[in-house]
PDB file of N, CA and C in Angstrom:
ATOM      1  N   MET A   1      64.486  37.349  51.843  1.00  0.00           N
ATOM      2  CA  MET A   1      64.999  37.297  50.491  1.00  0.00           C
ATOM      3  C   MET A   1      66.357  36.615  50.468  1.00  0.00           C
ATOM      4  N   LEU A   2      67.163  36.909  51.466  1.00  0.00           N
ATOM      5  CA  LEU A   2      68.481  36.290  51.528  1.00  0.00           C
ATOM      6  C   LEU A   2      68.357  34.771  51.594  1.00  0.00           C
ATOM      7  N   ALA A   3      67.398  34.283  52.368  1.00  0.00           N
ATOM      8  CA  ALA A   3      67.193  32.836  52.463  1.00  0.00           C
ATOM      9  C   ALA A   3      66.830  32.245  51.110  1.00  0.00           C
ATOM     10  N   GLY A   4      66.029  32.968  50.341  1.00  0.00           N
ATOM     11  CA  GLY A   4      65.663  32.510  49.003  1.00  0.00           C
ATOM     12  C   GLY A   4      66.843  32.500  48.054  1.00  0.00           C
ATOM     13  N   PHE A   5      67.693  33.537  48.144  1.00  0.00           N
ATOM     14  CA  PHE A   5      68.881  33.583  47.290  1.00  0.00           C
ATOM     15  C   PHE A   5      69.848  32.459  47.630  1.00  0.00           C
ATOM     16  N   LEU A   6      69.920  32.085  48.893  1.00  0.00           N
ATOM     17  CA  LEU A   6      70.796  30.985  49.302  1.00  0.00           C
ATOM     18  C   LEU A   6      70.227  29.629  48.914  1.00  0.00           C
ATOM     19  N   LEU A   7      68.907  29.542  48.830  1.00  0.00           N
ATOM     20  CA  LEU A   7      68.261  28.273  48.546  1.00  0.00           C
ATOM     21  C   LEU A   7      68.618  27.719  47.172  1.00  0.00           C
ATOM     22  N   VAL A   8      68.628  28.559  46.161  1.00  0.00           N
ATOM     23  CA  VAL A   8      68.845  28.077  44.790  1.00  0.00           C
ATOM     24  C   VAL A   8      70.220  27.444  44.624  1.00  0.00           C
ATOM     25  N   PRO A   9      71.308  28.149  44.936  1.00  0.00           N
ATOM     26  CA  PRO A   9      72.608  27.489  44.757  1.00  0.00           C
ATOM     27  C   PRO A   9      72.827  26.326  45.725  1.00  0.00           C
ATOM     28  N   LEU A  10      72.263  26.432  46.914  1.00  0.00           N
ATOM     29  CA  LEU A  10      72.414  25.354  47.884  1.00  0.00           C
ATOM     30  C   LEU A  10      71.717  24.089  47.393  1.00  0.00           C
ATOM     31  N   GLY A  11      70.480  24.237  46.905  1.00  0.00           N
ATOM     32  CA  GLY A  11      69.725  23.087  46.401  1.00  0.00           C
ATOM     33  C   GLY A  11      70.364  22.470  45.179  1.00  0.00           C
ATOM     34  N   LYS A  12      70.824  23.304  44.257  1.00  0.00           N
ATOM     35  CA  LYS A  12      71.459  22.787  43.038  1.00  0.00           C
ATOM     36  C   LYS A  12      72.823  22.187  43.354  1.00  0.00           C
ATOM     37  N   GLY A  13      73.515  22.785  44.316  1.00  0.00           N
ATOM     38  CA  GLY A  13      74.846  22.306  44.672  1.00  0.00           C
ATOM     39  C   GLY A  13      74.844  20.904  45.241  1.00  0.00           C
ATOM     40  N   ILE A  14      73.755  20.533  45.888  1.00  0.00           N
ATOM     41  CA  ILE A  14      73.698  19.179  46.440  1.00  0.00           C
ATOM     42  C   ILE A  14      72.826  18.271  45.577  1.00  0.00           C
ATOM     43  N   GLY A  15      72.468  18.752  44.380  1.00  0.00           N
ATOM     44  CA  GLY A  15      71.795  17.918  43.391  1.00  0.00           C
ATOM     45  C   GLY A  15      70.336  17.626  43.672  1.00  0.00           C
ATOM     46  N   LEU A  16      69.646  18.545  44.316  1.00  0.00           N
ATOM     47  CA  LEU A  16      68.232  18.322  44.601  1.00  0.00           C
ATOM     48  C   LEU A  16      67.369  18.932  43.513  1.00  0.00           C
ATOM     49  N   ASP A  17      66.523  18.108  42.935  1.00  0.00           N
ATOM     50  CA  ASP A  17      65.536  18.603  41.986  1.00  0.00           C
ATOM     51  C   ASP A  17      64.311  17.700  42.083  1.00  0.00           C
ATOM     52  N   GLY A  18      63.245  18.056  41.430  1.00  0.00           N
ATOM     53  CA  GLY A  18      62.028  17.254  41.483  1.00  0.00           C
ATOM     54  C   GLY A  18      61.443  17.220  42.881  1.00  0.00           C
ATOM     55  N   HIS A  19      60.979  16.042  43.284  1.00  0.00           N
ATOM     56  CA  HIS A  19      60.329  15.880  44.586  1.00  0.00           C
ATOM     57  C   HIS A  19      61.282  16.198  45.742  1.00  0.00           C
ATOM     58  N   GLU A  20      62.518  15.739  45.637  1.00  0.00           N
ATOM     59  CA  GLU A  20      63.491  16.002  46.703  1.00  0.00           C
ATOM     60  C   GLU A  20      63.713  17.500  46.870  1.00  0.00           C
ATOM     61  N   GLY A  21      63.743  18.212  45.765  1.00  0.00           N
ATOM     62  CA  GLY A  21      63.918  19.659  45.823  1.00  0.00           C
ATOM     63  C   GLY A  21      62.750  20.354  46.492  1.00  0.00           C
ATOM     64  N   GLN A  22      61.527  19.873  46.250  1.00  0.00           N
ATOM     65  CA  GLN A  22      60.350  20.454  46.888  1.00  0.00           C
ATOM     66  C   GLN A  22      60.374  20.220  48.394  1.00  0.00           C
ATOM     67  N   VAL A  23      60.740  19.014  48.787  1.00  0.00           N
ATOM     68  CA  VAL A  23      60.831  18.696  50.210  1.00  0.00           C
ATOM     69  C   VAL A  23      61.904  19.564  50.869  1.00  0.00           C
ATOM     70  N   PHE A  24      63.059  19.659  50.225  1.00  0.00           N
ATOM     71  CA  PHE A  24      64.141  20.486  50.758  1.00  0.00           C
ATOM     72  C   PHE A  24      63.699  21.943  50.897  1.00  0.00           C
ATOM     73  N   THR A  25      62.999  22.459  49.884  1.00  0.00           N
ATOM     74  CA  THR A  25      62.535  23.847  49.917  1.00  0.00           C
ATOM     75  C   THR A  25      61.582  24.072  51.081  1.00  0.00           C
ATOM     76  N   ARG A  26      60.661  23.158  51.292  1.00  0.00           N
ATOM     77  CA  ARG A  26      59.708  23.305  52.402  1.00  0.00           C
ATOM     78  C   ARG A  26      60.411  23.271  53.748  1.00  0.00           C
ATOM     79  N   ILE A  27      61.353  22.369  53.892  1.00  0.00           N
ATOM     80  CA  ILE A  27      62.105  22.284  55.153  1.00  0.00           C
ATOM     81  C   ILE A  27      62.921  23.555  55.356  1.00  0.00           C
ATOM     82  N   TRP A  28      63.550  24.037  54.296  1.00  0.00           N
ATOM     83  CA  TRP A  28      64.353  25.257  54.361  1.00  0.00           C
ATOM     84  C   TRP A  28      63.496  26.455  54.790  1.00  0.00           C
ATOM     85  N   VAL A  29      62.339  26.627  54.156  1.00  0.00           N
ATOM     86  CA  VAL A  29      61.456  27.749  54.475  1.00  0.00           C
ATOM     87  C   VAL A  29      60.956  27.630  55.911  1.00  0.00           C
ATOM     88  N   LEU A  30      60.564  26.439  56.331  1.00  0.00           N
ATOM     89  CA  LEU A  30      60.117  26.230  57.709  1.00  0.00           C
ATOM     90  C   LEU A  30      61.222  26.575  58.700  1.00  0.00           C
ATOM     91  N   ALA A  31      62.446  26.173  58.406  1.00  0.00           N
ATOM     92  CA  ALA A  31      63.576  26.473  59.290  1.00  0.00           C
ATOM     93  C   ALA A  31      63.850  27.971  59.366  1.00  0.00           C
ATOM     94  N   VAL A  32      63.811  28.653  58.233  1.00  0.00           N
ATOM     95  CA  VAL A  32      64.090  30.089  58.214  1.00  0.00           C
ATOM     96  C   VAL A  32      62.995  30.867  58.940  1.00  0.00           C
ATOM     97  N   VAL A  33      61.738  30.555  58.645  1.00  0.00           N
ATOM     98  CA  VAL A  33      60.626  31.262  59.289  1.00  0.00           C
ATOM     99  C   VAL A  33      60.611  30.983  60.792  1.00  0.00           C
ATOM    100  N   SER A  34      60.824  29.734  61.168  1.00  0.00           N
ATOM    101  CA  SER A  34      60.864  29.380  62.594  1.00  0.00           C
ATOM    102  C   SER A  34      61.993  30.112  63.303  1.00  0.00           C
ATOM    103  N   SER A  35      63.149  30.165  62.669  1.00  0.00           N
ATOM    104  CA  SER A  35      64.294  30.866  63.269  1.00  0.00           C
ATOM    105  C   SER A  35      63.990  32.340  63.491  1.00  0.00           C
ATOM    106  N   TYR A  36      63.305  32.952  62.538  1.00  0.00           N
ATOM    107  CA  TYR A  36      62.919  34.364  62.661  1.00  0.00           C
ATOM    108  C   TYR A  36      62.093  34.584  63.927  1.00  0.00           C
ATOM    109  N   TYR A  37      61.021  33.798  64.078  1.00  0.00           N
ATOM    110  CA  TYR A  37      60.157  33.968  65.250  1.00  0.00           C
ATOM    111  C   TYR A  37      60.883  33.642  66.541  1.00  0.00           C
ATOM    112  N   LEU A  38      61.610  32.536  66.560  1.00  0.00           N
ATOM    113  CA  LEU A  38      62.313  32.145  67.783  1.00  0.00           C
ATOM    114  C   LEU A  38      63.313  33.207  68.209  1.00  0.00           C
ATOM    115  N   TRP A  39      64.052  33.767  67.283  1.00  0.00           N
ATOM    116  CA  TRP A  39      65.040  34.791  67.615  1.00  0.00           C
ATOM    117  C   TRP A  39      64.376  36.021  68.220  1.00  0.00           C
ATOM    118  N   PHE A  40      63.375  36.548  67.528  1.00  0.00           N
ATOM    119  CA  PHE A  40      62.760  37.788  67.996  1.00  0.00           C
ATOM    120  C   PHE A  40      61.948  37.590  69.267  1.00  0.00           C
ATOM    121  N   TRP A  41      61.259  36.454  69.416  1.00  0.00           N
ATOM    122  CA  TRP A  41      60.500  36.212  70.636  1.00  0.00           C
ATOM    123  C   TRP A  41      61.405  36.075  71.848  1.00  0.00           C
ATOM    124  N   THR A  42      62.605  35.523  71.668  1.00  0.00           N
ATOM    125  CA  THR A  42      63.513  35.327  72.803  1.00  0.00           C
ATOM    126  C   THR A  42      64.505  36.473  72.981  1.00  0.00           C
ATOM    127  N   HIS A  43      64.542  37.411  72.056  1.00  0.00           N
ATOM    128  CA  HIS A  43      65.443  38.565  72.152  1.00  0.00           C
ATOM    129  C   HIS A  43      64.625  39.855  72.069  1.00  0.00           C
ATOM    130  N   GLY A  44      63.940  40.156  73.143  1.00  0.00           N
ATOM    131  CA  GLY A  44      63.161  41.383  73.205  1.00  0.00           C
ATOM    132  C   GLY A  44      61.662  41.171  73.103  1.00  0.00           C
ATOM    133  N   GLY A  45      61.220  39.984  72.665  1.00  0.00           N
ATOM    134  CA  GLY A  45      59.800  39.680  72.642  1.00  0.00           C
ATOM    135  C   GLY A  45      59.005  40.329  71.529  1.00  0.00           C
ATOM    136  N   GLN A  46      59.690  40.881  70.519  1.00  0.00           N
ATOM    137  CA  GLN A  46      58.982  41.578  69.459  1.00  0.00           C
ATOM    138  C   GLN A  46      59.533  41.224  68.085  1.00  0.00           C
ATOM    139  N   THR A  47      58.632  40.786  67.186  1.00  0.00           N
ATOM    140  CA  THR A  47      59.000  40.681  65.781  1.00  0.00           C
ATOM    141  C   THR A  47      58.920  42.094  65.211  1.00  0.00           C
ATOM    142  N   LEU A  48      59.327  42.275  63.978  1.00  0.00           N
ATOM    143  CA  LEU A  48      59.281  43.623  63.398  1.00  0.00           C
ATOM    144  C   LEU A  48      57.860  44.200  63.363  1.00  0.00           C
ATOM    145  N   PRO A  49      56.826  43.429  62.944  1.00  0.00           N
ATOM    146  CA  PRO A  49      55.480  43.994  63.009  1.00  0.00           C
ATOM    147  C   PRO A  49      55.026  44.290  64.437  1.00  0.00           C
ATOM    148  N   MET A  50      55.438  43.470  65.396  1.00  0.00           N
ATOM    149  CA  MET A  50      55.062  43.718  66.790  1.00  0.00           C
ATOM    150  C   MET A  50      55.651  45.028  67.290  1.00  0.00           C
ATOM    151  N   LYS A  51      56.824  45.400  66.803  1.00  0.00           N
ATOM    152  CA  LYS A  51      57.403  46.697  67.171  1.00  0.00           C
ATOM    153  C   LYS A  51      56.543  47.830  66.626  1.00  0.00           C
ATOM    154  N   THR A  52      56.079  47.672  65.396  1.00  0.00           N
ATOM    155  CA  THR A  52      55.227  48.687  64.794  1.00  0.00           C
ATOM    156  C   THR A  52      53.912  48.811  65.552  1.00  0.00           C
ATOM    157  N   TRP A  53      53.324  47.688  65.917  1.00  0.00           N
ATOM    158  CA  TRP A  53      52.052  47.689  66.625  1.00  0.00           C
ATOM    159  C   TRP A  53      52.221  47.909  68.115  1.00  0.00           C
ATOM    160  N   ARG A  54      53.465  48.013  68.576  1.00  0.00           N
ATOM    161  CA  ARG A  54      53.794  48.244  69.977  1.00  0.00           C
ATOM    162  C   ARG A  54      53.230  47.152  70.884  1.00  0.00           C
ATOM    163  N   LEU A  55      53.501  45.911  70.468  1.00  0.00           N
ATOM    164  CA  LEU A  55      53.135  44.730  71.240  1.00  0.00           C
ATOM    165  C   LEU A  55      54.401  44.000  71.639  1.00  0.00           C
ATOM    166  N   ARG A  56      54.350  43.328  72.769  1.00  0.00           N
ATOM    167  CA  ARG A  56      55.503  42.561  73.242  1.00  0.00           C
ATOM    168  C   ARG A  56      55.023  41.237  73.806  1.00  0.00           C
ATOM    169  N   LEU A  57      55.717  40.162  73.474  1.00  0.00           N
ATOM    170  CA  LEU A  57      55.441  38.843  74.017  1.00  0.00           C
ATOM    171  C   LEU A  57      56.290  38.643  75.265  1.00  0.00           C
ATOM    172  N   CYS A  58      55.658  38.209  76.344  1.00  0.00           N
ATOM    173  CA  CYS A  58      56.400  38.004  77.590  1.00  0.00           C
ATOM    174  C   CYS A  58      55.707  36.935  78.433  1.00  0.00           C
ATOM    175  N   ASN A  59      56.358  36.543  79.511  1.00  0.00           N
ATOM    176  CA  ASN A  59      55.744  35.659  80.490  1.00  0.00           C
ATOM    177  C   ASN A  59      54.721  36.464  81.286  1.00  0.00           C
ATOM    178  N   GLN A  60      53.921  35.776  82.089  1.00  0.00           N
ATOM    179  CA  GLN A  60      52.892  36.453  82.893  1.00  0.00           C
ATOM    180  C   GLN A  60      53.489  37.516  83.809  1.00  0.00           C
ATOM    181  N   ASP A  61      54.726  37.294  84.272  1.00  0.00           N
ATOM    182  CA  ASP A  61      55.354  38.260  85.183  1.00  0.00           C
ATOM    183  C   ASP A  61      56.079  39.386  84.453  1.00  0.00           C
ATOM    184  N   GLY A  62      56.003  39.395  83.121  1.00  0.00           N
ATOM    185  CA  GLY A  62      56.631  40.460  82.338  1.00  0.00           C
ATOM    186  C   GLY A  62      58.038  40.150  81.869  1.00  0.00           C
ATOM    187  N   SER A  63      58.588  39.015  82.295  1.00  0.00           N
ATOM    188  CA  SER A  63      59.950  38.647  81.883  1.00  0.00           C
ATOM    189  C   SER A  63      59.942  38.075  80.466  1.00  0.00           C
ATOM    190  N   SER A  64      61.106  38.060  79.855  1.00  0.00           N
ATOM    191  CA  SER A  64      61.251  37.523  78.504  1.00  0.00           C
ATOM    192  C   SER A  64      61.056  36.013  78.509  1.00  0.00           C
ATOM    193  N   ILE A  65      60.510  35.494  77.412  1.00  0.00           N
ATOM    194  CA  ILE A  65      60.319  34.045  77.338  1.00  0.00           C
ATOM    195  C   ILE A  65      61.622  33.385  76.907  1.00  0.00           C
ATOM    196  N   GLY A  66      61.795  32.153  77.325  1.00  0.00           N
ATOM    197  CA  GLY A  66      62.982  31.397  76.956  1.00  0.00           C
ATOM    198  C   GLY A  66      62.750  30.611  75.677  1.00  0.00           C
ATOM    199  N   LEU A  67      63.804  29.982  75.208  1.00  0.00           N
ATOM    200  CA  LEU A  67      63.743  29.213  73.971  1.00  0.00           C
ATOM    201  C   LEU A  67      62.753  28.050  74.074  1.00  0.00           C
ATOM    202  N   ASP A  68      62.689  27.394  75.230  1.00  0.00           N
ATOM    203  CA  ASP A  68      61.762  26.273  75.388  1.00  0.00           C
ATOM    204  C   ASP A  68      60.315  26.715  75.203  1.00  0.00           C
ATOM    205  N   ARG A  69      59.948  27.818  75.800  1.00  0.00           N
ATOM    206  CA  ARG A  69      58.583  28.329  75.679  1.00  0.00           C
ATOM    207  C   ARG A  69      58.317  28.851  74.266  1.00  0.00           C
ATOM    208  N   ALA A  70      59.324  29.460  73.661  1.00  0.00           N
ATOM    209  CA  ALA A  70      59.168  29.955  72.287  1.00  0.00           C
ATOM    210  C   ALA A  70      58.944  28.800  71.318  1.00  0.00           C
ATOM    211  N   LEU A  71      59.684  27.707  71.500  1.00  0.00           N
ATOM    212  CA  LEU A  71      59.496  26.526  70.650  1.00  0.00           C
ATOM    213  C   LEU A  71      58.092  25.942  70.812  1.00  0.00           C
ATOM    214  N   LEU A  72      57.642  25.822  72.054  1.00  0.00           N
ATOM    215  CA  LEU A  72      56.298  25.303  72.300  1.00  0.00           C
ATOM    216  C   LEU A  72      55.238  26.224  71.700  1.00  0.00           C
ATOM    217  N   ARG A  73      55.458  27.523  71.801  1.00  0.00           N
ATOM    218  CA  ARG A  73      54.507  28.485  71.236  1.00  0.00           C
ATOM    219  C   ARG A  73      54.442  28.318  69.721  1.00  0.00           C
ATOM    220  N   LEU A  74      55.573  28.150  69.105  1.00  0.00           N
ATOM    221  CA  LEU A  74      55.629  27.958  67.657  1.00  0.00           C
ATOM    222  C   LEU A  74      54.851  26.705  67.242  1.00  0.00           C
ATOM    223  N   VAL A  75      55.025  25.623  67.972  1.00  0.00           N
ATOM    224  CA  VAL A  75      54.314  24.371  67.678  1.00  0.00           C
ATOM    225  C   VAL A  75      52.811  24.549  67.888  1.00  0.00           C
ATOM    226  N   LEU A  76      52.423  25.187  68.993  1.00  0.00           N
ATOM    227  CA  LEU A  76      51.000  25.374  69.271  1.00  0.00           C
ATOM    228  C   LEU A  76      50.332  26.309  68.275  1.00  0.00           C
ATOM    229  N   VAL A  77      51.045  27.338  67.837  1.00  0.00           N
ATOM    230  CA  VAL A  77      50.487  28.232  66.817  1.00  0.00           C
ATOM    231  C   VAL A  77      50.250  27.452  65.524  1.00  0.00           C
ATOM    232  N   GLY A  78      51.219  26.638  65.128  1.00  0.00           N
ATOM    233  CA  GLY A  78      51.059  25.818  63.932  1.00  0.00           C
ATOM    234  C   GLY A  78      49.890  24.850  64.067  1.00  0.00           C
ATOM    235  N   ALA A  79      49.748  24.236  65.232  1.00  0.00           N
ATOM    236  CA  ALA A  79      48.632  23.318  65.464  1.00  0.00           C
ATOM    237  C   ALA A  79      47.309  24.075  65.426  1.00  0.00           C
ATOM    238  N   GLY A  80      47.290  25.265  65.967  1.00  0.00           N
ATOM    239  CA  GLY A  80      46.073  26.069  65.957  1.00  0.00           C
ATOM    240  C   GLY A  80      45.619  26.410  64.555  1.00  0.00           C
ATOM    241  N   TRP A  81      46.581  26.738  63.676  1.00  0.00           N
ATOM    242  CA  TRP A  81      46.222  27.006  62.279  1.00  0.00           C
ATOM    243  C   TRP A  81      45.731  25.730  61.615  1.00  0.00           C
ATOM    244  N   GLY A  82      46.314  24.598  61.996  1.00  0.00           N
ATOM    245  CA  GLY A  82      45.865  23.320  61.462  1.00  0.00           C
ATOM    246  C   GLY A  82      44.446  22.976  61.895  1.00  0.00           C
ATOM    247  N   LEU A  83      44.011  23.566  62.989  1.00  0.00           N
ATOM    248  CA  LEU A  83      42.643  23.354  63.490  1.00  0.00           C
ATOM    249  C   LEU A  83      41.718  24.504  63.081  1.00  0.00           C
ATOM    250  N   GLY A  84      42.050  25.157  61.990  1.00  0.00           N
ATOM    251  CA  GLY A  84      41.171  26.198  61.450  1.00  0.00           C
ATOM    252  C   GLY A  84      41.213  27.520  62.187  1.00  0.00           C
ATOM    253  N   GLY A  85      42.293  27.787  62.888  1.00  0.00           N
ATOM    254  CA  GLY A  85      42.426  29.066  63.584  1.00  0.00           C
ATOM    255  C   GLY A  85      41.790  29.083  64.965  1.00  0.00           C
ATOM    256  N   ALA A  86      41.586  27.901  65.545  1.00  0.00           N
ATOM    257  CA  ALA A  86      40.948  27.808  66.857  1.00  0.00           C
ATOM    258  C   ALA A  86      41.708  28.589  67.921  1.00  0.00           C
ATOM    259  N   HIS A  87      43.014  28.653  67.804  1.00  0.00           N
ATOM    260  CA  HIS A  87      43.824  29.367  68.796  1.00  0.00           C
ATOM    261  C   HIS A  87      43.558  30.869  68.765  1.00  0.00           C
ATOM    262  N   ILE A  88      43.188  31.405  67.620  1.00  0.00           N
ATOM    263  CA  ILE A  88      42.878  32.829  67.494  1.00  0.00           C
ATOM    264  C   ILE A  88      41.441  33.095  67.950  1.00  0.00           C
ATOM    265  N   LEU A  89      40.518  32.223  67.538  1.00  0.00           N
ATOM    266  CA  LEU A  89      39.112  32.391  67.926  1.00  0.00           C
ATOM    267  C   LEU A  89      38.931  32.349  69.436  1.00  0.00           C
ATOM    268  N   TRP A  90      39.810  31.631  70.105  1.00  0.00           N
ATOM    269  CA  TRP A  90      39.750  31.531  71.568  1.00  0.00           C
ATOM    270  C   TRP A  90      39.743  32.921  72.205  1.00  0.00           C
ATOM    271  N   ALA A  91      40.480  33.847  71.649  1.00  0.00           N
ATOM    272  CA  ALA A  91      40.596  35.189  72.231  1.00  0.00           C
ATOM    273  C   ALA A  91      39.258  35.920  72.279  1.00  0.00           C
ATOM    274  N   LEU A  92      38.333  35.549  71.413  1.00  0.00           N
ATOM    275  CA  LEU A  92      37.009  36.179  71.433  1.00  0.00           C
ATOM    276  C   LEU A  92      36.248  35.865  72.716  1.00  0.00           C
ATOM    277  N   PHE A  93      36.581  34.735  73.350  1.00  0.00           N
ATOM    278  CA  PHE A  93      35.861  34.295  74.537  1.00  0.00           C
ATOM    279  C   PHE A  93      36.697  34.364  75.813  1.00  0.00           C
ATOM    280  N   ASP A  94      37.978  34.587  75.682  1.00  0.00           N
ATOM    281  CA  ASP A  94      38.868  34.639  76.833  1.00  0.00           C
ATOM    282  C   ASP A  94      38.638  35.933  77.604  1.00  0.00           C
ATOM    283  N   ARG A  95      38.594  35.862  78.923  1.00  0.00           N
ATOM    284  CA  ARG A  95      38.294  37.043  79.744  1.00  0.00           C
ATOM    285  C   ARG A  95      39.352  38.131  79.614  1.00  0.00           C
ATOM    286  N   GLU A  96      40.592  37.747  79.277  1.00  0.00           N
ATOM    287  CA  GLU A  96      41.665  38.731  79.104  1.00  0.00           C
ATOM    288  C   GLU A  96      42.054  38.904  77.641  1.00  0.00           C
ATOM    289  N   LYS A  97      41.257  38.333  76.735  1.00  0.00           N
ATOM    290  CA  LYS A  97      41.476  38.424  75.287  1.00  0.00           C
ATOM    291  C   LYS A  97      42.828  37.845  74.866  1.00  0.00           C
ATOM    292  N   GLN A  98      43.273  36.802  75.577  1.00  0.00           N
ATOM    293  CA  GLN A  98      44.525  36.133  75.250  1.00  0.00           C
ATOM    294  C   GLN A  98      44.259  34.985  74.286  1.00  0.00           C
ATOM    295  N   PHE A  99      45.241  34.674  73.442  1.00  0.00           N
ATOM    296  CA  PHE A  99      45.130  33.542  72.533  1.00  0.00           C
ATOM    297  C   PHE A  99      45.280  32.243  73.311  1.00  0.00           C
ATOM    298  N   LEU A 100      44.738  31.159  72.758  1.00  0.00           N
ATOM    299  CA  LEU A 100      44.776  29.869  73.435  1.00  0.00           C
ATOM    300  C   LEU A 100      46.203  29.423  73.719  1.00  0.00           C
ATOM    301  N   HIS A 101      47.111  29.574  72.747  1.00  0.00           N
ATOM    302  CA  HIS A 101      48.490  29.131  72.966  1.00  0.00           C
ATOM    303  C   HIS A 101      49.164  29.940  74.072  1.00  0.00           C
ATOM    304  N   ASP A 102      48.844  31.219  74.183  1.00  0.00           N
ATOM    305  CA  ASP A 102      49.416  32.024  75.267  1.00  0.00           C
ATOM    306  C   ASP A 102      48.818  31.630  76.611  1.00  0.00           C
ATOM    307  N   ARG A 103      47.537  31.350  76.634  1.00  0.00           N
ATOM    308  CA  ARG A 103      46.881  30.904  77.874  1.00  0.00           C
ATOM    309  C   ARG A 103      47.508  29.590  78.336  1.00  0.00           C
ATOM    310  N   MET A 104      47.755  28.666  77.414  1.00  0.00           N
ATOM    311  CA  MET A 104      48.314  27.362  77.761  1.00  0.00           C
ATOM    312  C   MET A 104      49.751  27.466  78.260  1.00  0.00           C
ATOM    313  N   LEU A 105      50.521  28.398  77.713  1.00  0.00           N
ATOM    314  CA  LEU A 105      51.947  28.496  78.040  1.00  0.00           C
ATOM    315  C   LEU A 105      52.265  29.484  79.155  1.00  0.00           C
ATOM    316  N   GLY A 106      51.286  30.268  79.558  1.00  0.00           N
ATOM    317  CA  GLY A 106      51.562  31.284  80.576  1.00  0.00           C
ATOM    318  C   GLY A 106      52.306  32.478  79.998  1.00  0.00           C
ATOM    319  N   THR A 107      52.126  32.700  78.702  1.00  0.00           N
ATOM    320  CA  THR A 107      52.705  33.880  78.060  1.00  0.00           C
ATOM    321  C   THR A 107      51.561  34.834  77.724  1.00  0.00           C
ATOM    322  N   ARG A 108      51.924  36.031  77.316  1.00  0.00           N
ATOM    323  CA  ARG A 108      50.895  36.996  76.944  1.00  0.00           C
ATOM    324  C   ARG A 108      51.470  38.052  76.023  1.00  0.00           C
ATOM    325  N   LEU A 109      50.591  38.641  75.239  1.00  0.00           N
ATOM    326  CA  LEU A 109      50.950  39.808  74.442  1.00  0.00           C
ATOM    327  C   LEU A 109      50.510  41.029  75.224  1.00  0.00           C
ATOM    328  N   VAL A 110      51.420  41.952  75.420  1.00  0.00           N
ATOM    329  CA  VAL A 110      51.078  43.171  76.155  1.00  0.00           C
ATOM    330  C   VAL A 110      51.247  44.374  75.244  1.00  0.00           C
ATOM    331  N   SER A 111      50.402  45.344  75.429  1.00  0.00           N
ATOM    332  CA  SER A 111      50.473  46.585  74.676  1.00  0.00           C
ATOM    333  C   SER A 111      51.470  47.511  75.353  1.00  0.00           C
ATOM    334  N   LEU A 112      52.326  48.116  74.564  1.00  0.00           N
ATOM    335  CA  LEU A 112      53.311  49.048  75.112  1.00  0.00           C
ATOM    336  C   LEU A 112      52.809  50.490  75.047  1.00  0.00           C
ATOM    337  N   GLY A 113      51.537  50.667  74.710  1.00  0.00           N
ATOM    338  CA  GLY A 113      50.969  51.999  74.623  1.00  0.00           C
ATOM    339  C   GLY A 113      51.279  52.656  73.310  1.00  0.00           C
ATOM    340  N   SER A 114      50.787  53.828  73.154  1.00  0.00           N
ATOM    341  CA  SER A 114      50.950  54.561  71.903  1.00  0.00           C
ATOM    342  C   SER A 114      52.104  55.549  72.013  1.00  0.00           C
ATOM    343  N   SER A 115      52.870  55.633  70.944  1.00  0.00           N
ATOM    344  CA  SER A 115      53.951  56.622  70.908  1.00  0.00           C
ATOM    345  C   SER A 115      53.538  57.815  70.069  1.00  0.00           C
ATOM    346  N   PHE A 116      52.287  57.804  69.569  1.00  0.00           N
ATOM    347  CA  PHE A 116      51.802  58.888  68.737  1.00  0.00           C
ATOM    348  C   PHE A 116      51.278  60.016  69.619  1.00  0.00           C
ATOM    349  N   HIS A 117      51.861  61.172  69.472  1.00  0.00           N
ATOM    350  CA  HIS A 117      51.434  62.343  70.231  1.00  0.00           C
ATOM    351  C   HIS A 117      51.186  63.477  69.247  1.00  0.00           C
ATOM    352  N   PRO A 118      49.919  63.668  68.858  1.00  0.00           N
ATOM    353  CA  PRO A 118      49.638  64.746  67.895  1.00  0.00           C
ATOM    354  C   PRO A 118      49.943  66.109  68.502  1.00  0.00           C
ATOM    355  N   SER A 119      50.444  66.987  67.683  1.00  0.00           N
ATOM    356  CA  SER A 119      50.723  68.331  68.179  1.00  0.00           C
ATOM    357  C   SER A 119      49.417  69.125  68.200  1.00  0.00           C
ATOM    358  N   SER A 120      49.321  70.015  69.167  1.00  0.00           N
ATOM    359  CA  SER A 120      48.082  70.786  69.329  1.00  0.00           C
ATOM    360  C   SER A 120      48.076  72.005  68.453  1.00  0.00           C
TER     361      SER A 120
END
């Protein structure tokens, strides 16, 4: 929401409207969304939903991924969606149920187990 609130005065302040404003808005949204994923993937390996689902993105050896790998993952995920979700469908056939982009980069999503302990 903060990015959206900043977009309006920023766009008007530099005189963008019409087609230029649409292009600027798309670039702005892409930059903000990309920054979100890159930050969380490289700082703990978890976006906010991944924390809820108790999933973590890491290298094959369990270490945190670096910015270079996070950038490549972001590009490959975008390309996969451009190919109709092929990167997600890959997991249906992968022996370890990994996504195509993770298989290509040597990264993986790991389950951190359940924190739910019902009382008896």
